[in-house]
PDB file of N, CA and C in Angstrom:
ATOM      1  N   MET A   1      85.016  -6.269 -28.157  1.00  0.00           N
ATOM      2  CA  MET A   1      84.248  -5.993 -29.347  1.00  0.00           C
ATOM      3  C   MET A   1      82.901  -5.416 -28.888  1.00  0.00           C
ATOM      4  N   SER A   2      82.691  -4.129 -29.057  1.00  0.00           N
ATOM      5  CA  SER A   2      81.456  -3.513 -28.655  1.00  0.00           C
ATOM      6  C   SER A   2      80.545  -3.296 -29.872  1.00  0.00           C
ATOM      7  N   THR A   3      79.275  -3.316 -29.591  1.00  0.00           N
ATOM      8  CA  THR A   3      78.326  -3.079 -30.665  1.00  0.00           C
ATOM      9  C   THR A   3      77.801  -1.663 -30.537  1.00  0.00           C
ATOM     10  N   SER A   4      77.511  -1.089 -31.676  1.00  0.00           N
ATOM     11  CA  SER A   4      77.034   0.273 -31.684  1.00  0.00           C
ATOM     12  C   SER A   4      75.604   0.362 -31.194  1.00  0.00           C
ATOM     13  N   ALA A   5      75.198   1.557 -30.836  1.00  0.00           N
ATOM     14  CA  ALA A   5      73.832   1.755 -30.375  1.00  0.00           C
ATOM     15  C   ALA A   5      72.790   1.409 -31.426  1.00  0.00           C
ATOM     16  N   GLU A   6      73.145   1.694 -32.680  1.00  0.00           N
ATOM     17  CA  GLU A   6      72.204   1.363 -33.792  1.00  0.00           C
ATOM     18  C   GLU A   6      72.015  -0.135 -33.914  1.00  0.00           C
ATOM     19  N   GLU A   7      73.098  -0.896 -33.764  1.00  0.00           N
ATOM     20  CA  GLU A   7      72.987  -2.346 -33.842  1.00  0.00           C
ATOM     21  C   GLU A   7      72.166  -2.875 -32.725  1.00  0.00           C
ATOM     22  N   LYS A   8      72.332  -2.344 -31.493  1.00  0.00           N
ATOM     23  CA  LYS A   8      71.538  -2.789 -30.346  1.00  0.00           C
ATOM     24  C   LYS A   8      70.049  -2.488 -30.563  1.00  0.00           C
ATOM     25  N   ILE A   9      69.754  -1.290 -31.074  1.00  0.00           N
ATOM     26  CA  ILE A   9      68.385  -0.926 -31.340  1.00  0.00           C
ATOM     27  C   ILE A   9      67.788  -1.851 -32.409  1.00  0.00           C
ATOM     28  N   SER A  10      68.601  -2.155 -33.433  1.00  0.00           N
ATOM     29  CA  SER A  10      68.142  -3.040 -34.504  1.00  0.00           C
ATOM     30  C   SER A  10      67.811  -4.423 -33.947  1.00  0.00           C
ATOM     31  N   VAL A  11      68.648  -4.950 -33.058  1.00  0.00           N
ATOM     32  CA  VAL A  11      68.400  -6.251 -32.476  1.00  0.00           C
ATOM     33  C   VAL A  11      67.125  -6.233 -31.626  1.00  0.00           C
ATOM     34  N   VAL A  12      66.954  -5.167 -30.825  1.00  0.00           N
ATOM     35  CA  VAL A  12      65.767  -5.033 -30.004  1.00  0.00           C
ATOM     36  C   VAL A  12      64.515  -4.951 -30.883  1.00  0.00           C
ATOM     37  N   ALA A  13      64.597  -4.182 -31.947  1.00  0.00           N
ATOM     38  CA  ALA A  13      63.438  -4.063 -32.860  1.00  0.00           C
ATOM     39  C   ALA A  13      63.091  -5.417 -33.501  1.00  0.00           C
ATOM     40  N   LYS A  14      64.119  -6.144 -33.908  1.00  0.00           N
ATOM     41  CA  LYS A  14      63.868  -7.474 -34.513  1.00  0.00           C
ATOM     42  C   LYS A  14      63.209  -8.394 -33.509  1.00  0.00           C
ATOM     43  N   ASN A  15      63.709  -8.366 -32.275  1.00  0.00           N
ATOM     44  CA  ASN A  15      63.127  -9.249 -31.240  1.00  0.00           C
ATOM     45  C   ASN A  15      61.678  -8.865 -30.951  1.00  0.00           C
ATOM     46  N   LYS A  16      61.382  -7.544 -30.973  1.00  0.00           N
ATOM     47  CA  LYS A  16      59.995  -7.131 -30.730  1.00  0.00           C
ATOM     48  C   LYS A  16      59.084  -7.600 -31.892  1.00  0.00           C
ATOM     49  N   VAL A  17      59.569  -7.533 -33.084  1.00  0.00           N
ATOM     50  CA  VAL A  17      58.769  -7.985 -34.259  1.00  0.00           C
ATOM     51  C   VAL A  17      58.529  -9.487 -34.111  1.00  0.00           C
ATOM     52  N   ILE A  18      59.572 -10.246 -33.786  1.00  0.00           N
ATOM     53  CA  ILE A  18      59.429 -11.699 -33.642  1.00  0.00           C
ATOM     54  C   ILE A  18      58.437 -12.028 -32.564  1.00  0.00           C
ATOM     55  N   LEU A  19      58.546 -11.313 -31.424  1.00  0.00           N
ATOM     56  CA  LEU A  19      57.612 -11.540 -30.291  1.00  0.00           C
ATOM     57  C   LEU A  19      56.167 -11.212 -30.674  1.00  0.00           C
ATOM     58  N   CYS A  20      56.011 -10.120 -31.394  1.00  0.00           N
ATOM     59  CA  CYS A  20      54.633  -9.786 -31.879  1.00  0.00           C
ATOM     60  C   CYS A  20      54.068 -10.858 -32.774  1.00  0.00           C
ATOM     61  N   CYS A  21      54.899 -11.389 -33.654  1.00  0.00           N
ATOM     62  CA  CYS A  21      54.466 -12.444 -34.583  1.00  0.00           C
ATOM     63  C   CYS A  21      54.084 -13.709 -33.802  1.00  0.00           C
ATOM     64  N   VAL A  22      54.861 -14.051 -32.779  1.00  0.00           N
ATOM     65  CA  VAL A  22      54.559 -15.227 -31.978  1.00  0.00           C
ATOM     66  C   VAL A  22      53.230 -15.034 -31.251  1.00  0.00           C
ATOM     67  N   PHE A  23      53.024 -13.855 -30.670  1.00  0.00           N
ATOM     68  CA  PHE A  23      51.749 -13.609 -29.963  1.00  0.00           C
ATOM     69  C   PHE A  23      50.570 -13.640 -30.950  1.00  0.00           C
ATOM     70  N   TYR A  24      50.771 -13.107 -32.118  1.00  0.00           N
ATOM     71  CA  TYR A  24      49.709 -13.103 -33.143  1.00  0.00           C
ATOM     72  C   TYR A  24      49.361 -14.554 -33.526  1.00  0.00           C
ATOM     73  N   LEU A  25      50.391 -15.365 -33.797  1.00  0.00           N
ATOM     74  CA  LEU A  25      50.144 -16.757 -34.138  1.00  0.00           C
ATOM     75  C   LEU A  25      49.448 -17.521 -33.006  1.00  0.00           C
ATOM     76  N   LEU A  26      49.886 -17.267 -31.768  1.00  0.00           N
ATOM     77  CA  LEU A  26      49.266 -17.908 -30.617  1.00  0.00           C
ATOM     78  C   LEU A  26      47.802 -17.460 -30.497  1.00  0.00           C
ATOM     79  N   HIS A  27      47.563 -16.201 -30.731  1.00  0.00           N
ATOM     80  CA  HIS A  27      46.163 -15.705 -30.671  1.00  0.00           C
ATOM     81  C   HIS A  27      45.327 -16.360 -31.743  1.00  0.00           C
ATOM     82  N   GLN A  28      45.840 -16.453 -32.979  1.00  0.00           N
ATOM     83  CA  GLN A  28      45.106 -17.094 -34.028  1.00  0.00           C
ATOM     84  C   GLN A  28      44.836 -18.594 -33.722  1.00  0.00           C
ATOM     85  N   TYR A  29      45.819 -19.215 -33.113  1.00  0.00           N
ATOM     86  CA  TYR A  29      45.679 -20.616 -32.812  1.00  0.00           C
ATOM     87  C   TYR A  29      44.602 -20.819 -31.762  1.00  0.00           C
ATOM     88  N   LEU A  30      44.592 -19.961 -30.730  1.00  0.00           N
ATOM     89  CA  LEU A  30      43.603 -20.081 -29.657  1.00  0.00           C
ATOM     90  C   LEU A  30      42.217 -19.771 -30.178  1.00  0.00           C
ATOM     91  N   ILE A  31      42.088 -18.861 -31.138  1.00  0.00           N
ATOM     92  CA  ILE A  31      40.781 -18.582 -31.729  1.00  0.00           C
ATOM     93  C   ILE A  31      40.289 -19.768 -32.535  1.00  0.00           C
ATOM     94  N   SER A  32      41.221 -20.464 -33.222  1.00  0.00           N
ATOM     95  CA  SER A  32      40.805 -21.586 -34.068  1.00  0.00           C
ATOM     96  C   SER A  32      40.359 -22.781 -33.253  1.00  0.00           C
ATOM     97  N   TYR A  33      40.865 -22.933 -32.006  1.00  0.00           N
ATOM     98  CA  TYR A  33      40.536 -24.098 -31.180  1.00  0.00           C
ATOM     99  C   TYR A  33      39.947 -23.623 -29.839  1.00  0.00           C
ATOM    100  N   PRO A  34      38.788 -22.954 -29.854  1.00  0.00           N
ATOM    101  CA  PRO A  34      38.242 -22.458 -28.594  1.00  0.00           C
ATOM    102  C   PRO A  34      37.737 -23.571 -27.669  1.00  0.00           C
ATOM    103  N   ALA A  35      37.351 -24.703 -28.203  1.00  0.00           N
ATOM    104  CA  ALA A  35      36.787 -25.779 -27.390  1.00  0.00           C
ATOM    105  C   ALA A  35      37.901 -26.554 -26.658  1.00  0.00           C
ATOM    106  N   GLU A  36      39.104 -26.521 -27.206  1.00  0.00           N
ATOM    107  CA  GLU A  36      40.185 -27.287 -26.624  1.00  0.00           C
ATOM    108  C   GLU A  36      40.749 -26.539 -25.442  1.00  0.00           C
ATOM    109  N   SER A  37      40.863 -27.197 -24.324  1.00  0.00           N
ATOM    110  CA  SER A  37      41.342 -26.543 -23.119  1.00  0.00           C
ATOM    111  C   SER A  37      42.825 -26.284 -23.235  1.00  0.00           C
ATOM    112  N   LEU A  38      43.292 -25.279 -22.540  1.00  0.00           N
ATOM    113  CA  LEU A  38      44.687 -24.919 -22.552  1.00  0.00           C
ATOM    114  C   LEU A  38      45.547 -26.062 -22.032  1.00  0.00           C
ATOM    115  N   LYS A  39      45.050 -26.742 -20.980  1.00  0.00           N
ATOM    116  CA  LYS A  39      45.807 -27.860 -20.421  1.00  0.00           C
ATOM    117  C   LYS A  39      46.006 -28.967 -21.453  1.00  0.00           C
ATOM    118  N   ARG A  40      44.938 -29.305 -22.162  1.00  0.00           N
ATOM    119  CA  ARG A  40      45.029 -30.340 -23.204  1.00  0.00           C
ATOM    120  C   ARG A  40      46.004 -29.901 -24.319  1.00  0.00           C
ATOM    121  N   ASN A  41      45.963 -28.623 -24.686  1.00  0.00           N
ATOM    122  CA  ASN A  41      46.861 -28.098 -25.685  1.00  0.00           C
ATOM    123  C   ASN A  41      48.296 -28.211 -25.243  1.00  0.00           C
ATOM    124  N   ILE A  42      48.577 -27.863 -23.973  1.00  0.00           N
ATOM    125  CA  ILE A  42      49.950 -27.924 -23.467  1.00  0.00           C
ATOM    126  C   ILE A  42      50.401 -29.405 -23.455  1.00  0.00           C
ATOM    127  N   GLU A  43      49.517 -30.294 -23.013  1.00  0.00           N
ATOM    128  CA  GLU A  43      49.860 -31.706 -22.955  1.00  0.00           C
ATOM    129  C   GLU A  43      50.231 -32.213 -24.398  1.00  0.00           C
ATOM    130  N   ARG A  44      49.462 -31.777 -25.372  1.00  0.00           N
ATOM    131  CA  ARG A  44      49.740 -32.214 -26.761  1.00  0.00           C
ATOM    132  C   ARG A  44      51.074 -31.697 -27.222  1.00  0.00           C
ATOM    133  N   VAL A  45      51.356 -30.425 -26.900  1.00  0.00           N
ATOM    134  CA  VAL A  45      52.647 -29.839 -27.323  1.00  0.00           C
ATOM    135  C   VAL A  45      53.822 -30.600 -26.640  1.00  0.00           C
ATOM    136  N   VAL A  46      53.657 -30.924 -25.336  1.00  0.00           N
ATOM    137  CA  VAL A  46      54.675 -31.673 -24.608  1.00  0.00           C
ATOM    138  C   VAL A  46      54.911 -33.043 -25.274  1.00  0.00           C
ATOM    139  N   LYS A  47      53.840 -33.713 -25.640  1.00  0.00           N
ATOM    140  CA  LYS A  47      53.971 -35.015 -26.291  1.00  0.00           C
ATOM    141  C   LYS A  47      54.686 -34.900 -27.624  1.00  0.00           C
ATOM    142  N   GLU A  48      54.356 -33.824 -28.402  1.00  0.00           N
ATOM    143  CA  GLU A  48      55.022 -33.611 -29.673  1.00  0.00           C
ATOM    144  C   GLU A  48      56.528 -33.347 -29.480  1.00  0.00           C
ATOM    145  N   VAL A  49      56.905 -32.593 -28.449  1.00  0.00           N
ATOM    146  CA  VAL A  49      58.298 -32.339 -28.170  1.00  0.00           C
ATOM    147  C   VAL A  49      59.016 -33.613 -27.765  1.00  0.00           C
ATOM    148  N   GLU A  50      58.368 -34.418 -26.922  1.00  0.00           N
ATOM    149  CA  GLU A  50      58.963 -35.717 -26.535  1.00  0.00           C
ATOM    150  C   GLU A  50      59.152 -36.608 -27.732  1.00  0.00           C
ATOM    151  N   LEU A  51      58.169 -36.633 -28.630  1.00  0.00           N
ATOM    152  CA  LEU A  51      58.268 -37.426 -29.849  1.00  0.00           C
ATOM    153  C   LEU A  51      59.410 -36.956 -30.706  1.00  0.00           C
ATOM    154  N   ARG A  52      59.565 -35.633 -30.860  1.00  0.00           N
ATOM    155  CA  ARG A  52      60.665 -35.088 -31.646  1.00  0.00           C
ATOM    156  C   ARG A  52      62.023 -35.506 -31.052  1.00  0.00           C
ATOM    157  N   ARG A  53      62.138 -35.451 -29.705  1.00  0.00           N
ATOM    158  CA  ARG A  53      63.379 -35.870 -29.062  1.00  0.00           C
ATOM    159  C   ARG A  53      63.690 -37.342 -29.347  1.00  0.00           C
ATOM    160  N   LYS A  54      62.670 -38.211 -29.286  1.00  0.00           N
ATOM    161  CA  LYS A  54      62.862 -39.591 -29.569  1.00  0.00           C
ATOM    162  C   LYS A  54      63.310 -39.795 -30.998  1.00  0.00           C
ATOM    163  N   VAL A  55      62.675 -39.095 -31.929  1.00  0.00           N
ATOM    164  CA  VAL A  55      63.069 -39.220 -33.339  1.00  0.00           C
ATOM    165  C   VAL A  55      64.501 -38.756 -33.535  1.00  0.00           C
ATOM    166  N   LYS A  56      64.866 -37.654 -32.915  1.00  0.00           N
ATOM    167  CA  LYS A  56      66.278 -37.177 -33.035  1.00  0.00           C
ATOM    168  C   LYS A  56      67.253 -38.220 -32.474  1.00  0.00           C
ATOM    169  N   LYS A  57      66.892 -38.854 -31.362  1.00  0.00           N
ATOM    170  CA  LYS A  57      67.769 -39.859 -30.724  1.00  0.00           C
ATOM    171  C   LYS A  57      67.905 -41.035 -31.681  1.00  0.00           C
ATOM    172  N   VAL A  58      66.793 -41.494 -32.256  1.00  0.00           N
ATOM    173  CA  VAL A  58      66.870 -42.630 -33.186  1.00  0.00           C
ATOM    174  C   VAL A  58      67.677 -42.272 -34.377  1.00  0.00           C
ATOM    175  N   CYS A  59      67.488 -41.043 -34.939  1.00  0.00           N
ATOM    176  CA  CYS A  59      68.259 -40.640 -36.092  1.00  0.00           C
ATOM    177  C   CYS A  59      69.776 -40.568 -35.725  1.00  0.00           C
ATOM    178  N   TYR A  60      70.098 -40.091 -34.552  1.00  0.00           N
ATOM    179  CA  TYR A  60      71.487 -39.988 -34.134  1.00  0.00           C
ATOM    180  C   TYR A  60      72.111 -41.380 -34.099  1.00  0.00           C
ATOM    181  N   PHE A  61      71.421 -42.341 -33.458  1.00  0.00           N
ATOM    182  CA  PHE A  61      71.998 -43.686 -33.408  1.00  0.00           C
ATOM    183  C   PHE A  61      72.065 -44.370 -34.756  1.00  0.00           C
ATOM    184  N   ALA A  62      71.057 -44.069 -35.616  1.00  0.00           N
ATOM    185  CA  ALA A  62      71.056 -44.656 -36.974  1.00  0.00           C
ATOM    186  C   ALA A  62      72.241 -44.118 -37.768  1.00  0.00           C
ATOM    187  N   GLU A  63      72.472 -42.788 -37.670  1.00  0.00           N
ATOM    188  CA  GLU A  63      73.618 -42.190 -38.367  1.00  0.00           C
ATOM    189  C   GLU A  63      74.928 -42.744 -37.844  1.00  0.00           C
ATOM    190  N   ALA A  64      75.025 -42.904 -36.542  1.00  0.00           N
ATOM    191  CA  ALA A  64      76.270 -43.443 -35.974  1.00  0.00           C
ATOM    192  C   ALA A  64      76.480 -44.883 -36.428  1.00  0.00           C
ATOM    193  N   TRP A  65      75.417 -45.675 -36.495  1.00  0.00           N
ATOM    194  CA  TRP A  65      75.566 -47.042 -36.895  1.00  0.00           C
ATOM    195  C   TRP A  65      75.928 -47.104 -38.353  1.00  0.00           C
ATOM    196  N   LEU A  66      75.277 -46.297 -39.213  1.00  0.00           N
ATOM    197  CA  LEU A  66      75.536 -46.331 -40.634  1.00  0.00           C
ATOM    198  C   LEU A  66      76.920 -45.829 -40.963  1.00  0.00           C
ATOM    199  N   SER A  67      77.488 -44.954 -40.109  1.00  0.00           N
ATOM    200  CA  SER A  67      78.823 -44.429 -40.373  1.00  0.00           C
ATOM    201  C   SER A  67      79.915 -45.354 -39.881  1.00  0.00           C
ATOM    202  N   SER A  68      79.548 -46.392 -39.165  1.00  0.00           N
ATOM    203  CA  SER A  68      80.589 -47.346 -38.719  1.00  0.00           C
ATOM    204  C   SER A  68      81.051 -48.192 -39.907  1.00  0.00           C
ATOM    205  N   PRO A  69      82.320 -48.604 -39.860  1.00  0.00           N
ATOM    206  CA  PRO A  69      82.893 -49.346 -40.985  1.00  0.00           C
ATOM    207  C   PRO A  69      82.265 -50.736 -41.183  1.00  0.00           C
ATOM    208  N   GLY A  70      82.176 -51.184 -42.434  1.00  0.00           N
ATOM    209  CA  GLY A  70      81.732 -52.524 -42.754  1.00  0.00           C
ATOM    210  C   GLY A  70      80.250 -52.704 -42.893  1.00  0.00           C
ATOM    211  N   ILE A  71      79.483 -51.654 -42.883  1.00  0.00           N
ATOM    212  CA  ILE A  71      78.030 -51.777 -43.017  1.00  0.00           C
ATOM    213  C   ILE A  71      77.718 -51.879 -44.515  1.00  0.00           C
ATOM    214  N   VAL A  72      76.959 -52.892 -44.903  1.00  0.00           N
ATOM    215  CA  VAL A  72      76.618 -53.086 -46.313  1.00  0.00           C
ATOM    216  C   VAL A  72      75.272 -52.388 -46.562  1.00  0.00           C
ATOM    217  N   MET A  73      75.288 -51.474 -47.498  1.00  0.00           N
ATOM    218  CA  MET A  73      74.080 -50.718 -47.846  1.00  0.00           C
ATOM    219  C   MET A  73      73.800 -50.897 -49.342  1.00  0.00           C
ATOM    220  N   GLU A  74      72.646 -50.499 -49.760  1.00  0.00           N
ATOM    221  CA  GLU A  74      72.259 -50.596 -51.144  1.00  0.00           C
ATOM    222  C   GLU A  74      71.898 -49.233 -51.660  1.00  0.00           C
ATOM    223  N   THR A  75      72.415 -48.855 -52.843  1.00  0.00           N
ATOM    224  CA  THR A  75      72.091 -47.552 -53.422  1.00  0.00           C
ATOM    225  C   THR A  75      70.720 -47.612 -54.084  1.00  0.00           C
ATOM    226  N   GLU A  76      70.248 -46.464 -54.521  1.00  0.00           N
ATOM    227  CA  GLU A  76      68.938 -46.380 -55.159  1.00  0.00           C
ATOM    228  C   GLU A  76      68.906 -47.250 -56.437  1.00  0.00           C
ATOM    229  N   LYS A  77      70.062 -47.426 -57.071  1.00  0.00           N
ATOM    230  CA  LYS A  77      70.119 -48.200 -58.308  1.00  0.00           C
ATOM    231  C   LYS A  77      70.385 -49.683 -58.047  1.00  0.00           C
ATOM    232  N   GLY A  78      70.367 -50.110 -56.751  1.00  0.00           N
ATOM    233  CA  GLY A  78      70.505 -51.512 -56.396  1.00  0.00           C
ATOM    234  C   GLY A  78      71.928 -51.967 -56.242  1.00  0.00           C
ATOM    235  N   GLN A  79      72.910 -51.086 -56.280  1.00  0.00           N
ATOM    236  CA  GLN A  79      74.314 -51.487 -56.148  1.00  0.00           C
ATOM    237  C   GLN A  79      74.664 -51.572 -54.679  1.00  0.00           C
ATOM    238  N   ALA A  80      75.499 -52.581 -54.326  1.00  0.00           N
ATOM    239  CA  ALA A  80      75.950 -52.757 -52.983  1.00  0.00           C
ATOM    240  C   ALA A  80      77.016 -51.722 -52.653  1.00  0.00           C
ATOM    241  N   LEU A  81      76.961 -51.177 -51.451  1.00  0.00           N
ATOM    242  CA  LEU A  81      77.905 -50.194 -50.997  1.00  0.00           C
ATOM    243  C   LEU A  81      78.329 -50.534 -49.589  1.00  0.00           C
ATOM    244  N   ILE A  82      79.623 -50.623 -49.358  1.00  0.00           N
ATOM    245  CA  ILE A  82      80.140 -50.960 -48.000  1.00  0.00           C
ATOM    246  C   ILE A  82      80.763 -49.722 -47.422  1.00  0.00           C
ATOM    247  N   SER A  83      80.322 -49.318 -46.223  1.00  0.00           N
ATOM    248  CA  SER A  83      80.878 -48.132 -45.585  1.00  0.00           C
ATOM    249  C   SER A  83      82.280 -48.409 -45.110  1.00  0.00           C
ATOM    250  N   LYS A  84      83.082 -47.326 -45.073  1.00  0.00           N
ATOM    251  CA  LYS A  84      84.475 -47.445 -44.696  1.00  0.00           C
ATOM    252  C   LYS A  84      84.706 -46.804 -43.373  1.00  0.00           C
TER     253      LYS A  84
END
């Protein structure tokens, strides 16, 4: 399955637009926080990513636990619901 030259150019153009937007947003961000060092900024981003990973892991285990059979839950209207 080959892609046409127009499709390849279209993909490259879209990627360039996305990259320009990312650089613009990064530039705006750095202008807004001139006093904050780049190292501190990177550390904050790393902490946020680690926190997101932990939240995803907790959500995964919570969904697995709730999907297991025999778990008694309560609906918004207060009715008991047992998972199957």
